[in-house]
Amino acid sequence: AQIIPAKGAMYSADVVIEGRSGVTTVNGFFFVARTPDGATVAPAVGAVRPGITYGQLAQGQSVSGHVAFDFAPAQR
């Protein structure tokens, strides 16, 4: 469910993060997308639910959610 209006074209990725050893830090801001020319697009954190937020996972724990990216028309 999109909760922030798109300024361009909104794309989202389904993400699953698993803690494999020790403690894994999770943060939706750790993701980026790349345009065809190699530029990076920051995530539109809070744009879709359930999103990936900040937290920590112990070994064997996992979290899933969506990461959204808002591509301006010139970036597609």
Protein backbone atom coordinates (compact mmCIF):
# COMPACT_ATOMS: atom_id res chain seq x y z
CA ALA A 1 0.00 0.00 0.00
CA GLN A 2 1.55 3.26 -1.12
CA ILE A 3 1.27 5.97 1.55
CA ILE A 4 3.47 8.76 0.12
CA PRO A 5 2.51 10.24 -3.27
CA ALA A 6 5.06 9.54 -6.01
CA LYS A 7 6.89 12.43 -7.67
CA GLY A 8 7.77 10.18 -10.61
CA ALA A 9 7.42 6.44 -10.97
CA MET A 10 7.40 4.50 -7.72
CA TYR A 11 8.98 1.05 -7.72
CA SER A 12 9.23 -1.27 -4.75
CA ALA A 13 11.22 -4.39 -4.02
CA ASP A 14 10.23 -7.20 -1.67
CA VAL A 15 13.12 -7.73 0.75
CA VAL A 16 13.96 -10.51 3.21
CA ILE A 17 16.92 -9.99 5.54
CA GLU A 18 18.27 -12.87 7.61
CA GLY A 19 20.75 -12.72 10.47
CA ARG A 20 23.37 -15.34 9.68
CA SER A 21 25.88 -14.73 12.47
CA GLY A 22 26.33 -12.34 15.36
CA VAL A 23 24.05 -9.31 15.23
CA THR A 24 22.88 -7.88 11.89
CA THR A 25 21.84 -4.22 11.74
CA VAL A 26 18.83 -3.55 9.49
CA ASN A 27 17.97 -0.11 8.11
CA GLY A 28 15.80 0.89 5.16
CA PHE A 29 18.25 3.69 4.37
CA PHE A 30 21.00 1.12 3.62
CA PHE A 31 19.42 0.39 0.21
CA VAL A 32 19.92 2.29 -3.06
CA ALA A 33 18.74 1.77 -6.62
CA ARG A 34 20.75 2.59 -9.73
CA THR A 35 19.50 4.31 -12.87
CA PRO A 36 20.56 3.10 -16.32
CA ASP A 37 23.33 5.76 -16.34
CA GLY A 38 24.68 4.59 -12.96
CA ALA A 39 23.27 7.35 -10.74
CA THR A 40 21.91 6.28 -7.35
CA VAL A 41 18.39 6.81 -6.09
CA ALA A 42 17.83 6.89 -2.33
CA PRO A 43 14.98 4.81 -0.91
CA ALA A 44 11.62 6.45 -0.27
CA VAL A 45 11.50 5.18 3.30
CA GLY A 46 7.93 5.26 4.59
CA ALA A 47 6.45 5.20 1.09
CA VAL A 48 5.03 1.67 1.33
CA ARG A 49 3.93 -0.69 4.09
CA PRO A 50 5.32 -2.81 5.49
CA GLY A 51 8.63 -1.08 5.03
CA ILE A 52 12.06 -2.01 6.29
CA THR A 53 12.87 0.07 9.35
CA TYR A 54 15.82 0.23 11.73
CA GLY A 55 16.59 -2.66 14.03
CA GLN A 56 18.91 -5.52 14.83
CA LEU A 57 18.57 -9.22 14.12
CA ALA A 58 20.18 -12.00 16.10
CA GLN A 59 21.48 -15.09 14.33
CA GLY A 60 18.53 -17.00 12.87
CA GLN A 61 16.08 -14.08 12.98
CA SER A 62 14.64 -12.52 9.85
CA VAL A 63 12.54 -9.55 8.79
CA SER A 64 10.69 -8.92 5.54
CA GLY A 65 9.12 -5.85 3.99
CA HIS A 66 9.27 -3.51 1.02
CA VAL A 67 11.80 -0.91 -0.05
CA ALA A 68 10.44 1.77 -2.40
CA PHE A 69 12.24 4.05 -4.84
CA ASP A 70 10.74 7.14 -6.47
CA PHE A 71 12.30 7.64 -9.91
CA ALA A 72 11.89 11.06 -11.50
CA PRO A 73 10.90 10.94 -15.19
CA ALA A 74 14.48 11.73 -16.29
CA GLN A 75 15.86 8.86 -14.18
CA ARG A 76 13.93 6.00 -15.80
